[in-house]
PDB file of all heavy atoms in Angstrom:
ATOM      1  N   ALA A   1      12.132   0.752  -0.266  1.00  0.00           N
ATOM      2  CA  ALA A   1      11.809  -0.491   0.361  1.00  0.00           C
ATOM      3  C   ALA A   1      12.428  -1.633  -0.395  1.00  0.00           C
ATOM      4  O   ALA A   1      12.887  -2.601   0.221  1.00  0.00           O
ATOM      5  CB  ALA A   1      10.242  -0.663   0.416  1.00  0.00           C
ATOM      6  N   ALA A   2      12.393  -1.595  -1.731  1.00  0.00           N
ATOM      7  CA  ALA A   2      13.026  -2.618  -2.529  1.00  0.00           C
ATOM      8  C   ALA A   2      14.491  -2.669  -2.308  1.00  0.00           C
ATOM      9  O   ALA A   2      15.064  -3.741  -2.187  1.00  0.00           O
ATOM     10  CB  ALA A   2      12.739  -2.368  -3.991  1.00  0.00           C
ATOM     11  N   GLU A   3      15.140  -1.540  -2.107  1.00  0.00           N
ATOM     12  CA  GLU A   3      16.593  -1.419  -1.894  1.00  0.00           C
ATOM     13  C   GLU A   3      16.969  -2.065  -0.579  1.00  0.00           C
ATOM     14  O   GLU A   3      18.008  -2.753  -0.445  1.00  0.00           O
ATOM     15  CB  GLU A   3      17.077  -0.007  -1.949  1.00  0.00           C
ATOM     16  CG  GLU A   3      18.569   0.129  -1.697  1.00  0.00           C
ATOM     17  CD  GLU A   3      18.972   1.591  -1.796  1.00  0.00           C
ATOM     18  OE1 GLU A   3      18.142   2.467  -2.127  1.00  0.00           O
ATOM     19  OE2 GLU A   3      20.196   1.820  -1.512  1.00  0.00           O
ATOM     20  N   HIS A   4      16.058  -1.964   0.431  1.00  0.00           N
ATOM     21  CA  HIS A   4      16.433  -2.399   1.778  1.00  0.00           C
ATOM     22  C   HIS A   4      15.611  -3.567   2.257  1.00  0.00           C
ATOM     23  O   HIS A   4      15.690  -3.962   3.421  1.00  0.00           O
ATOM     24  CB  HIS A   4      16.188  -1.222   2.764  1.00  0.00           C
ATOM     25  CG  HIS A   4      17.075  -0.057   2.466  1.00  0.00           C
ATOM     26  ND1 HIS A   4      18.382  -0.070   2.923  1.00  0.00           N
ATOM     27  CD2 HIS A   4      16.868   1.159   1.920  1.00  0.00           C
ATOM     28  CE1 HIS A   4      18.976   1.089   2.563  1.00  0.00           C
ATOM     29  NE2 HIS A   4      18.055   1.844   1.955  1.00  0.00           N
ATOM     30  N   GLY A   5      14.927  -4.227   1.284  1.00  0.00           N
ATOM     31  CA  GLY A   5      14.305  -5.525   1.640  1.00  0.00           C
ATOM     32  C   GLY A   5      13.006  -5.417   2.467  1.00  0.00           C
ATOM     33  O   GLY A   5      12.745  -6.383   3.272  1.00  0.00           O
ATOM     34  N   VAL A   6      12.288  -4.316   2.411  1.00  0.00           N
ATOM     35  CA  VAL A   6      11.082  -4.192   3.168  1.00  0.00           C
ATOM     36  C   VAL A   6       9.907  -4.435   2.252  1.00  0.00           C
ATOM     37  O   VAL A   6       9.711  -3.707   1.287  1.00  0.00           O
ATOM     38  CB  VAL A   6      10.935  -2.789   3.826  1.00  0.00           C
ATOM     39  CG1 VAL A   6       9.598  -2.617   4.544  1.00  0.00           C
ATOM     40  CG2 VAL A   6      12.107  -2.533   4.768  1.00  0.00           C
ATOM     41  N   PRO A   7       9.072  -5.441   2.497  1.00  0.00           N
ATOM     42  CA  PRO A   7       7.921  -5.730   1.643  1.00  0.00           C
ATOM     43  C   PRO A   7       6.909  -4.574   1.714  1.00  0.00           C
ATOM     44  O   PRO A   7       6.644  -4.091   2.796  1.00  0.00           O
ATOM     45  CB  PRO A   7       7.365  -7.056   2.207  1.00  0.00           C
ATOM     46  CG  PRO A   7       8.439  -7.631   3.036  1.00  0.00           C
ATOM     47  CD  PRO A   7       9.222  -6.442   3.552  1.00  0.00           C
ATOM     48  N   THR A   8       6.340  -4.217   0.556  1.00  0.00           N
ATOM     49  CA  THR A   8       5.317  -3.208   0.512  1.00  0.00           C
ATOM     50  C   THR A   8       4.130  -3.531  -0.378  1.00  0.00           C
ATOM     51  O   THR A   8       4.264  -4.315  -1.280  1.00  0.00           O
ATOM     52  CB  THR A   8       5.891  -1.815  -0.009  1.00  0.00           C
ATOM     53  OG1 THR A   8       6.167  -1.984  -1.376  1.00  0.00           O
ATOM     54  CG2 THR A   8       7.143  -1.446   0.793  1.00  0.00           C
ATOM     55  N   ILE A   9       2.998  -2.967  -0.039  1.00  0.00           N
ATOM     56  CA  ILE A   9       1.801  -2.999  -0.932  1.00  0.00           C
ATOM     57  C   ILE A   9       1.406  -1.564  -1.133  1.00  0.00           C
ATOM     58  O   ILE A   9       1.099  -0.835  -0.184  1.00  0.00           O
ATOM     59  CB  ILE A   9       0.619  -3.779  -0.230  1.00  0.00           C
ATOM     60  CG1 ILE A   9       1.059  -5.179   0.103  1.00  0.00           C
ATOM     61  CG2 ILE A   9      -0.592  -3.742  -1.139  1.00  0.00           C
ATOM     62  CD1 ILE A   9       0.039  -5.887   0.968  1.00  0.00           C
ATOM     63  N   THR A  10       1.442  -1.126  -2.367  1.00  0.00           N
ATOM     64  CA  THR A  10       1.150   0.273  -2.752  1.00  0.00           C
ATOM     65  C   THR A  10       0.325   0.245  -4.007  1.00  0.00           C
ATOM     66  O   THR A  10      -0.055  -0.832  -4.510  1.00  0.00           O
ATOM     67  CB  THR A  10       2.442   1.089  -2.966  1.00  0.00           C
ATOM     68  OG1 THR A  10       3.159   0.545  -4.043  1.00  0.00           O
ATOM     69  CG2 THR A  10       3.338   1.064  -1.704  1.00  0.00           C
ATOM     70  N   ASN A  11       0.127   1.425  -4.543  1.00  0.00           N
ATOM     71  CA  ASN A  11      -0.614   1.548  -5.839  1.00  0.00           C
ATOM     72  C   ASN A  11       0.091   2.658  -6.621  1.00  0.00           C
ATOM     73  O   ASN A  11       0.793   3.499  -6.081  1.00  0.00           O
ATOM     74  CB  ASN A  11      -2.072   1.770  -5.700  1.00  0.00           C
ATOM     75  CG  ASN A  11      -2.404   3.132  -5.016  1.00  0.00           C
ATOM     76  OD1 ASN A  11      -2.178   3.277  -3.823  1.00  0.00           O
ATOM     77  ND2 ASN A  11      -2.891   4.094  -5.792  1.00  0.00           N
ATOM     78  N   VAL A  12      -0.241   2.792  -7.912  1.00  0.00           N
ATOM     79  CA  VAL A  12       0.255   3.863  -8.725  1.00  0.00           C
ATOM     80  C   VAL A  12      -0.885   4.788  -9.052  1.00  0.00           C
ATOM     81  O   VAL A  12      -2.077   4.426  -8.908  1.00  0.00           O
ATOM     82  CB  VAL A  12       0.867   3.315 -10.027  1.00  0.00           C
ATOM     83  CG1 VAL A  12       2.133   2.471  -9.746  1.00  0.00           C
ATOM     84  CG2 VAL A  12      -0.145   2.528 -10.840  1.00  0.00           C
ATOM     85  N   GLY A  13      -0.534   6.023  -9.439  1.00  0.00           N
ATOM     86  CA  GLY A  13      -1.588   7.015  -9.799  1.00  0.00           C
ATOM     87  C   GLY A  13      -1.940   7.859  -8.557  1.00  0.00           C
ATOM     88  O   GLY A  13      -1.372   7.833  -7.501  1.00  0.00           O
ATOM     89  N   ARG A  14      -2.903   8.729  -8.841  1.00  0.00           N
ATOM     90  CA  ARG A  14      -3.359   9.721  -7.818  1.00  0.00           C
ATOM     91  C   ARG A  14      -4.326   9.079  -6.797  1.00  0.00           C
ATOM     92  O   ARG A  14      -4.513   9.635  -5.723  1.00  0.00           O
ATOM     93  CB  ARG A  14      -4.086  10.913  -8.503  1.00  0.00           C
ATOM     94  CG  ARG A  14      -3.178  11.747  -9.336  1.00  0.00           C
ATOM     95  CD  ARG A  14      -3.886  12.992  -9.835  1.00  0.00           C
ATOM     96  NE  ARG A  14      -5.031  12.659 -10.702  1.00  0.00           N
ATOM     97  CZ  ARG A  14      -4.967  12.617 -12.031  1.00  0.00           C
ATOM     98  NH1 ARG A  14      -3.832  12.821 -12.635  1.00  0.00           N
ATOM     99  NH2 ARG A  14      -6.049  12.340 -12.731  1.00  0.00           N
ATOM    100  N   ARG A  15      -4.937   8.013  -7.154  1.00  0.00           N
ATOM    101  CA  ARG A  15      -6.002   7.454  -6.287  1.00  0.00           C
ATOM    102  C   ARG A  15      -5.486   6.680  -5.110  1.00  0.00           C
ATOM    103  O   ARG A  15      -4.272   6.373  -5.052  1.00  0.00           O
ATOM    104  CB  ARG A  15      -6.902   6.541  -7.108  1.00  0.00           C
ATOM    105  CG  ARG A  15      -7.608   7.306  -8.245  1.00  0.00           C
ATOM    106  CD  ARG A  15      -8.157   6.417  -9.301  1.00  0.00           C
ATOM    107  NE  ARG A  15      -9.261   5.559  -8.730  1.00  0.00           N
ATOM    108  CZ  ARG A  15      -9.897   4.647  -9.388  1.00  0.00           C
ATOM    109  NH1 ARG A  15      -9.478   4.305 -10.589  1.00  0.00           N
ATOM    110  NH2 ARG A  15     -10.858   3.944  -8.813  1.00  0.00           N
ATOM    111  N   GLY A  16      -6.372   6.416  -4.137  1.00  0.00           N
ATOM    112  CA  GLY A  16      -5.959   5.745  -2.943  1.00  0.00           C
ATOM    113  C   GLY A  16      -6.920   6.152  -1.831  1.00  0.00           C
ATOM    114  O   GLY A  16      -8.079   6.238  -2.005  1.00  0.00           O
ATOM    115  N   GLY A  17      -6.353   6.327  -0.620  1.00  0.00           N
ATOM    116  CA  GLY A  17      -7.151   6.783   0.500  1.00  0.00           C
ATOM    117  C   GLY A  17      -7.231   5.883   1.674  1.00  0.00           C
ATOM    118  O   GLY A  17      -6.769   4.742   1.698  1.00  0.00           O
ATOM    119  N   SER A  18      -7.856   6.389   2.733  1.00  0.00           N
ATOM    120  CA  SER A  18      -7.926   5.732   4.024  1.00  0.00           C
ATOM    121  C   SER A  18      -8.693   4.403   3.959  1.00  0.00           C
ATOM    122  O   SER A  18      -8.293   3.403   4.546  1.00  0.00           O
ATOM    123  CB  SER A  18      -8.565   6.634   5.085  1.00  0.00           C
ATOM    124  OG  SER A  18      -7.807   7.875   5.227  1.00  0.00           O
ATOM    125  N   GLY A  19      -9.852   4.426   3.286  1.00  0.00           N
ATOM    126  CA  GLY A  19     -10.652   3.184   3.152  1.00  0.00           C
ATOM    127  C   GLY A  19      -9.928   2.087   2.487  1.00  0.00           C
ATOM    128  O   GLY A  19      -9.975   0.912   2.874  1.00  0.00           O
ATOM    129  N   LEU A  20      -9.194   2.434   1.408  1.00  0.00           N
ATOM    130  CA  LEU A  20      -8.393   1.433   0.688  1.00  0.00           C
ATOM    131  C   LEU A  20      -7.275   0.846   1.586  1.00  0.00           C
ATOM    132  O   LEU A  20      -7.145  -0.372   1.648  1.00  0.00           O
ATOM    133  CB  LEU A  20      -7.793   2.007  -0.586  1.00  0.00           C
ATOM    134  CG  LEU A  20      -6.873   1.179  -1.396  1.00  0.00           C
ATOM    135  CD1 LEU A  20      -7.609  -0.073  -1.914  1.00  0.00           C
ATOM    136  CD2 LEU A  20      -6.280   1.932  -2.513  1.00  0.00           C
ATOM    137  N   ALA A  21      -6.558   1.703   2.240  1.00  0.00           N
ATOM    138  CA  ALA A  21      -5.510   1.273   3.130  1.00  0.00           C
ATOM    139  C   ALA A  21      -5.991   0.371   4.245  1.00  0.00           C
ATOM    140  O   ALA A  21      -5.406  -0.713   4.534  1.00  0.00           O
ATOM    141  CB  ALA A  21      -4.768   2.455   3.773  1.00  0.00           C
ATOM    142  N   ALA A  22      -7.131   0.739   4.850  1.00  0.00           N
ATOM    143  CA  ALA A  22      -7.730  -0.106   5.926  1.00  0.00           C
ATOM    144  C   ALA A  22      -8.140  -1.424   5.331  1.00  0.00           C
ATOM    145  O   ALA A  22      -7.964  -2.487   5.947  1.00  0.00           O
ATOM    146  CB  ALA A  22      -8.860   0.635   6.524  1.00  0.00           C
ATOM    147  N   GLY A  23      -8.796  -1.404   4.151  1.00  0.00           N
ATOM    148  CA  GLY A  23      -9.299  -2.636   3.502  1.00  0.00           C
ATOM    149  C   GLY A  23      -8.127  -3.588   3.220  1.00  0.00           C
ATOM    150  O   GLY A  23      -8.242  -4.821   3.455  1.00  0.00           O
ATOM    151  N   LEU A  24      -7.043  -3.108   2.723  1.00  0.00           N
ATOM    152  CA  LEU A  24      -5.904  -3.954   2.381  1.00  0.00           C
ATOM    153  C   LEU A  24      -5.275  -4.517   3.660  1.00  0.00           C
ATOM    154  O   LEU A  24      -4.863  -5.687   3.691  1.00  0.00           O
ATOM    155  CB  LEU A  24      -4.846  -3.136   1.581  1.00  0.00           C
ATOM    156  CG  LEU A  24      -5.328  -2.606   0.231  1.00  0.00           C
ATOM    157  CD1 LEU A  24      -4.167  -1.935  -0.539  1.00  0.00           C
ATOM    158  CD2 LEU A  24      -5.991  -3.676  -0.643  1.00  0.00           C
ATOM    159  N   THR A  25      -5.173  -3.703   4.707  1.00  0.00           N
ATOM    160  CA  THR A  25      -4.682  -4.148   5.949  1.00  0.00           C
ATOM    161  C   THR A  25      -5.571  -5.224   6.538  1.00  0.00           C
ATOM    162  O   THR A  25      -5.126  -6.273   7.089  1.00  0.00           O
ATOM    163  CB  THR A  25      -4.539  -3.033   6.955  1.00  0.00           C
ATOM    164  OG1 THR A  25      -3.714  -1.995   6.385  1.00  0.00           O
ATOM    165  CG2 THR A  25      -3.851  -3.507   8.248  1.00  0.00           C
ATOM    166  N   ASN A  26      -6.891  -5.058   6.470  1.00  0.00           N
ATOM    167  CA  ASN A  26      -7.816  -6.040   6.929  1.00  0.00           C
ATOM    168  C   ASN A  26      -7.691  -7.334   6.212  1.00  0.00           C
ATOM    169  O   ASN A  26      -7.942  -8.446   6.733  1.00  0.00           O
ATOM    170  CB  ASN A  26      -9.290  -5.511   6.821  1.00  0.00           C
ATOM    171  CG  ASN A  26      -9.567  -4.425   7.850  1.00  0.00           C
ATOM    172  OD1 ASN A  26      -8.797  -4.260   8.846  1.00  0.00           O
ATOM    173  ND2 ASN A  26     -10.597  -3.636   7.605  1.00  0.00           N
ATOM    174  N   GLU A  27      -7.314  -7.315   4.960  1.00  0.00           N
ATOM    175  CA  GLU A  27      -7.107  -8.558   4.236  1.00  0.00           C
ATOM    176  C   GLU A  27      -5.927  -9.296   4.750  1.00  0.00           C
ATOM    177  O   GLU A  27      -5.929 -10.539   4.744  1.00  0.00           O
ATOM    178  CB  GLU A  27      -6.974  -8.276   2.721  1.00  0.00           C
ATOM    179  CG  GLU A  27      -6.905  -9.534   1.861  1.00  0.00           C
ATOM    180  CD  GLU A  27      -8.184 -10.372   1.968  1.00  0.00           C
ATOM    181  OE1 GLU A  27      -9.263  -9.815   2.289  1.00  0.00           O
ATOM    182  OE2 GLU A  27      -8.087 -11.614   1.713  1.00  0.00           O
TER     183      GLU A  27
END
């Protein structure tokens, strides 16, 4: 994404999940 100019929101590490992705999108 950085190479091709696409903005992203991600995280590092093993954690994450559906609830987190939905919450960030809702923000």
